[in-house]
C-alpha atoms as a PDB file:
ATOM      1  CA  MET A   1      -8.745  34.311 -13.167  1.00  0.00           C
ATOM      2  CA  GLN A   2     -10.566  31.145 -15.283  1.00  0.00           C
ATOM      3  CA  ILE A   3     -10.267  27.679 -14.707  1.00  0.00           C
ATOM      4  CA  ARG A   4     -12.799  25.364 -16.927  1.00  0.00           C
ATOM      5  CA  PRO A   5     -12.760  21.418 -15.684  1.00  0.00           C
ATOM      6  CA  ILE A   6     -11.509  19.138 -18.541  1.00  0.00           C
ATOM      7  CA  GLY A   7     -12.812  15.991 -17.664  1.00  0.00           C
ATOM      8  CA  VAL A   8     -14.951  14.548 -15.231  1.00  0.00           C
ATOM      9  CA  ILE A   9     -13.414  11.520 -12.341  1.00  0.00           C
ATOM     10  CA  HIS A  10     -15.992   8.337 -12.194  1.00  0.00           C
ATOM     11  CA  SER A  11     -16.062   6.719  -8.784  1.00  0.00           C
ATOM     12  CA  PRO A  12     -17.688   3.847  -7.010  1.00  0.00           C
ATOM     13  CA  PHE A  13     -18.921   6.792  -4.176  1.00  0.00           C
ATOM     14  CA  ASN A  14     -22.452   8.216  -4.763  1.00  0.00           C
ATOM     15  CA  ASN A  15     -22.352  10.218  -1.863  1.00  0.00           C
ATOM     16  CA  ILE A  16     -19.870  12.177   0.503  1.00  0.00           C
ATOM     17  CA  ALA A  17     -20.957  10.020   3.326  1.00  0.00           C
ATOM     18  CA  GLU A  18     -18.248   7.258   3.886  1.00  0.00           C
ATOM     19  CA  MET A  19     -16.248   8.090   1.220  1.00  0.00           C
ATOM     20  CA  PRO A  20     -12.397   7.448   2.117  1.00  0.00           C
ATOM     21  CA  ILE A  21     -11.067  10.163   3.019  1.00  0.00           C
ATOM     22  CA  GLN A  22      -7.649   9.757   1.557  1.00  0.00           C
ATOM     23  CA  PRO A  23      -6.215   7.951  -1.188  1.00  0.00           C
ATOM     24  CA  SER A  24      -4.501   5.476   1.305  1.00  0.00           C
ATOM     25  CA  GLY A  25      -8.110   4.588   2.779  1.00  0.00           C
ATOM     26  CA  ALA A  26      -8.870   3.779  -0.635  1.00  0.00           C
ATOM     27  CA  GLN A  27      -7.134   0.936  -1.802  1.00  0.00           C
ATOM     28  CA  GLY A  28      -8.052  -1.483  -4.463  1.00  0.00           C
ATOM     29  CA  VAL A  29     -10.528   0.814  -4.719  1.00  0.00           C
ATOM     30  CA  ALA A  30     -10.500   1.596  -9.181  1.00  0.00           C
ATOM     31  CA  GLY A  31     -11.956   4.717 -11.095  1.00  0.00           C
ATOM     32  CA  LYS A  32     -11.991   6.344 -13.513  1.00  0.00           C
ATOM     33  CA  ILE A  33     -11.331   9.606 -15.474  1.00  0.00           C
ATOM     34  CA  GLU A  34     -12.765  10.921 -18.626  1.00  0.00           C
ATOM     35  CA  ILE A  35     -11.095  14.133 -19.867  1.00  0.00           C
ATOM     36  CA  ASP A  36     -12.750  15.761 -22.405  1.00  0.00           C
ATOM     37  CA  SER A  37     -12.108  14.891 -26.326  1.00  0.00           C
ATOM     38  CA  ASP A  38      -9.904  17.972 -27.684  1.00  0.00           C
ATOM     39  CA  LEU A  39      -7.300  17.280 -24.995  1.00  0.00           C
ATOM     40  CA  VAL A  40      -6.522  13.944 -25.799  1.00  0.00           C
ATOM     41  CA  GLU A  41      -3.288  14.904 -27.497  1.00  0.00           C
ATOM     42  CA  GLY A  42      -2.246  15.974 -23.375  1.00  0.00           C
ATOM     43  CA  LEU A  43      -2.095  12.840 -22.697  1.00  0.00           C
ATOM     44  CA  LYS A  44       0.910  11.989 -24.449  1.00  0.00           C
ATOM     45  CA  ASP A  45       3.836   9.904 -23.002  1.00  0.00           C
ATOM     46  CA  LEU A  46       1.718  10.040 -19.270  1.00  0.00           C
ATOM     47  CA  GLU A  47       1.107   6.284 -19.295  1.00  0.00           C
ATOM     48  CA  GLY A  48       4.906   6.232 -18.420  1.00  0.00           C
ATOM     49  CA  PHE A  49       4.054   7.552 -14.843  1.00  0.00           C
ATOM     50  CA  SER A  50       2.235   5.042 -12.401  1.00  0.00           C
ATOM     51  CA  HIS A  51       0.558   7.369 -10.296  1.00  0.00           C
ATOM     52  CA  ILE A  52      -0.501  10.899 -11.186  1.00  0.00           C
ATOM     53  CA  ILE A  53      -1.731  14.220  -9.305  1.00  0.00           C
ATOM     54  CA  VAL A  54      -4.910  14.952  -9.390  1.00  0.00           C
ATOM     55  CA  LEU A  55      -6.532  18.949  -8.935  1.00  0.00           C
ATOM     56  CA  TYR A  56     -10.603  18.489  -9.064  1.00  0.00           C
ATOM     57  CA  GLN A  57     -13.475  20.580  -7.385  1.00  0.00           C
ATOM     58  CA  PHE A  58     -15.068  19.470  -4.324  1.00  0.00           C
ATOM     59  CA  HIS A  59     -18.331  20.319  -6.342  1.00  0.00           C
ATOM     60  CA  GLN A  60     -21.077  18.942  -3.325  1.00  0.00           C
ATOM     61  CA  VAL A  61     -19.417  21.814  -1.040  1.00  0.00           C
ATOM     62  CA  THR A  62     -21.740  24.760  -0.266  1.00  0.00           C
ATOM     63  CA  ARG A  63     -20.088  26.979   2.183  1.00  0.00           C
ATOM     64  CA  THR A  64     -16.574  27.642   3.647  1.00  0.00           C
ATOM     65  CA  GLU A  65     -15.292  27.690   6.976  1.00  0.00           C
ATOM     66  CA  LEU A  66     -12.021  29.196   7.621  1.00  0.00           C
ATOM     67  CA  SER A  67     -12.004  26.559  11.051  1.00  0.00           C
ATOM     68  CA  VAL A  68     -12.710  22.866  10.767  1.00  0.00           C
ATOM     69  CA  THR A  69     -12.552  20.170  13.444  1.00  0.00           C
ATOM     70  CA  PRO A  70     -10.666  17.263  11.074  1.00  0.00           C
ATOM     71  CA  PHE A  71     -11.535  13.831  10.358  1.00  0.00           C
ATOM     72  CA  LEU A  72      -8.058  12.719  12.176  1.00  0.00           C
ATOM     73  CA  ASP A  73      -8.267  14.945  15.715  1.00  0.00           C
ATOM     74  CA  ALA A  74     -11.085  16.357  17.683  1.00  0.00           C
ATOM     75  CA  THR A  75      -9.436  19.490  17.762  1.00  0.00           C
ATOM     76  CA  ALA A  76     -10.669  22.812  15.633  1.00  0.00           C
ATOM     77  CA  HIS A  77      -7.405  23.853  13.257  1.00  0.00           C
ATOM     78  CA  GLY A  78      -7.190  26.858  10.423  1.00  0.00           C
ATOM     79  CA  ILE A  79      -9.036  25.394   7.291  1.00  0.00           C
ATOM     80  CA  PHE A  80      -5.037  26.087   5.039  1.00  0.00           C
ATOM     81  CA  ALA A  81      -3.831  23.161   8.022  1.00  0.00           C
ATOM     82  CA  THR A  82      -6.278  20.411   6.707  1.00  0.00           C
ATOM     83  CA  ARG A  83      -6.888  18.956   3.668  1.00  0.00           C
ATOM     84  CA  ALA A  84     -11.485  19.444   4.595  1.00  0.00           C
ATOM     85  CA  PRO A  85     -12.935  20.463   1.379  1.00  0.00           C
ATOM     86  CA  THR A  86     -14.624  23.399   2.829  1.00  0.00           C
ATOM     87  CA  ARG A  87     -12.334  25.982   1.391  1.00  0.00           C
ATOM     88  CA  PRO A  88     -12.361  29.645  -0.098  1.00  0.00           C
ATOM     89  CA  ASN A  89     -11.288  27.798  -3.676  1.00  0.00           C
ATOM     90  CA  PRO A  90     -13.543  24.064  -2.982  1.00  0.00           C
ATOM     91  CA  ILE A  91     -10.016  22.671  -4.482  1.00  0.00           C
ATOM     92  CA  GLY A  92      -9.083  18.970  -4.203  1.00  0.00           C
ATOM     93  CA  LEU A  93      -5.976  17.205  -4.928  1.00  0.00           C
ATOM     94  CA  SER A  94      -5.525  13.327  -4.540  1.00  0.00           C
ATOM     95  CA  VAL A  95      -2.154  11.211  -6.047  1.00  0.00           C
ATOM     96  CA  LEU A  96      -3.928   8.038  -7.701  1.00  0.00           C
ATOM     97  CA  ALA A  97      -2.746   5.337  -8.939  1.00  0.00           C
ATOM     98  CA  LEU A  98      -2.189   5.398 -12.826  1.00  0.00           C
ATOM     99  CA  LYS A  99      -3.303   2.120 -14.741  1.00  0.00           C
ATOM    100  CA  SER A 100      -4.000   2.325 -17.831  1.00  0.00           C
ATOM    101  CA  ILE A 101      -4.599   4.916 -20.385  1.00  0.00           C
ATOM    102  CA  SER A 102      -7.467   4.131 -23.533  1.00  0.00           C
ATOM    103  CA  ALA A 103      -8.357   7.120 -25.982  1.00  0.00           C
ATOM    104  CA  ASN A 104      -9.534  10.009 -23.526  1.00  0.00           C
ATOM    105  CA  VAL A 105     -10.283   7.347 -20.254  1.00  0.00           C
ATOM    106  CA  LEU A 106      -7.648   6.973 -17.710  1.00  0.00           C
ATOM    107  CA  ASN A 107      -8.756   4.242 -15.141  1.00  0.00           C
ATOM    108  CA  VAL A 108      -6.946   4.727 -11.753  1.00  0.00           C
ATOM    109  CA  GLY A 109      -6.495   3.125  -8.251  1.00  0.00           C
ATOM    110  CA  ASN A 110      -7.239   4.092  -4.769  1.00  0.00           C
ATOM    111  CA  VAL A 111      -9.755   6.528  -6.179  1.00  0.00           C
ATOM    112  CA  ASP A 112     -10.852   8.531  -2.607  1.00  0.00           C
ATOM    113  CA  ILE A 113     -13.091  11.067  -5.350  1.00  0.00           C
ATOM    114  CA  LEU A 114     -17.059  11.826  -5.323  1.00  0.00           C
ATOM    115  CA  ASP A 115     -18.402  10.194  -8.618  1.00  0.00           C
ATOM    116  CA  GLY A 116     -18.808  13.012 -11.234  1.00  0.00           C
ATOM    117  CA  THR A 117     -16.028  15.676  -9.664  1.00  0.00           C
ATOM    118  CA  PRO A 118     -15.253  18.104 -12.137  1.00  0.00           C
ATOM    119  CA  LEU A 119     -11.302  17.650 -13.309  1.00  0.00           C
ATOM    120  CA  LEU A 120      -9.006  20.903 -13.580  1.00  0.00           C
ATOM    121  CA  ASP A 121      -5.647  19.046 -13.604  1.00  0.00           C
ATOM    122  CA  ILE A 122      -3.476  16.186 -14.313  1.00  0.00           C
ATOM    123  CA  LYS A 123       0.217  16.108 -13.232  1.00  0.00           C
ATOM    124  CA  PRO A 124       2.479  13.410 -12.784  1.00  0.00           C
ATOM    125  CA  TYR A 125       3.572  12.270  -9.637  1.00  0.00           C
ATOM    126  CA  VAL A 126       7.477  11.960  -9.487  1.00  0.00           C
ATOM    127  CA  PRO A 127       8.898  11.330  -6.295  1.00  0.00           C
ATOM    128  CA  GLU A 128      12.022  13.399  -6.502  1.00  0.00           C
ATOM    129  CA  PHE A 129      10.119  16.386  -7.256  1.00  0.00           C
ATOM    130  CA  ASP A 130       6.707  15.670  -5.059  1.00  0.00           C
ATOM    131  CA  HIS A 131       8.255  13.711  -1.673  1.00  0.00           C
ATOM    132  CA  PRO A 132      11.279  15.594   0.191  1.00  0.00           C
ATOM    133  CA  ALA A 133      13.526  14.183   2.183  1.00  0.00           C
ATOM    134  CA  GLU A 134      11.995  15.445   5.445  1.00  0.00           C
ATOM    135  CA  VAL A 135       9.053  16.603   6.627  1.00  0.00           C
ATOM    136  CA  ARG A 136       7.398  18.237   9.375  1.00  0.00           C
ATOM    137  CA  ILE A 137       3.734  17.285   9.729  1.00  0.00           C
ATOM    138  CA  GLY A 138       2.654  19.736  12.474  1.00  0.00           C
ATOM    139  CA  TRP A 139      -0.881  18.584  14.526  1.00  0.00           C
ATOM    140  CA  LEU A 140      -0.947  15.122  13.064  1.00  0.00           C
ATOM    141  CA  GLN A 141       2.132  14.407  14.244  1.00  0.00           C
ATOM    142  CA  LYS A 142       0.540  13.926  18.156  1.00  0.00           C
ATOM    143  CA  SER A 143      -2.844  13.020  16.136  1.00  0.00           C
ATOM    144  CA  PRO A 144      -3.844   8.709  15.826  1.00  0.00           C
ATOM    145  CA  GLN A 145      -3.154   7.836  12.452  1.00  0.00           C
ATOM    146  CA  GLY A 146      -6.308   6.709  10.811  1.00  0.00           C
ATOM    147  CA  SER A 147      -6.599   7.767   7.124  1.00  0.00           C
ATOM    148  CA  GLN A 148      -6.228   3.589   5.804  1.00  0.00           C
ATOM    149  CA  THR A 149      -9.899   3.320   8.095  1.00  0.00           C
ATOM    150  CA  LYS A 150     -11.571   6.923   8.469  1.00  0.00           C
ATOM    151  CA  ARG A 151     -13.939   7.499   6.722  1.00  0.00           C
ATOM    152  CA  SER A 152     -16.028  10.692   6.019  1.00  0.00           C
ATOM    153  CA  ASP A 153     -19.529  11.741   7.067  1.00  0.00           C
ATOM    154  CA  GLU A 154     -21.609  14.452   6.438  1.00  0.00           C
ATOM    155  CA  ARG A 155     -19.809  17.264   8.784  1.00  0.00           C
ATOM    156  CA  PHE A 156     -18.765  19.202   5.405  1.00  0.00           C
ATOM    157  CA  ALA A 157     -21.405  18.408   2.736  1.00  0.00           C
END
């Protein structure tokens, strides 16, 4: 399998500590996604969507942990039951507000991503596809909510 970055994500966050842990905690935080110039044709018709799903590489993660204590709980959980970055394949996912597109630059909002992060893919957010009516949220059901105010620390660096 070969995956190559298709661009880079720019944000005001230069280090992992104090970053929002999810886009819900990054309301109003502006950023830019710069797509490789040879891929601009792939952006055709994307401006009609209010939100995009971005897939990216956790490029500052140096280890894999199969059991982690996430930011929103004091109990360890399996890595696949969390959104922690220390994954076997360090791939992140965020739903960002799409503000505008100019040539190969996407202006985005609610950015919870480290500056300089390699972009792997972009997909349009479609509520009918991406927002199931009935859901279970596992261990998060009993954990205190706090993704809007919780900030990152160095535990996954």
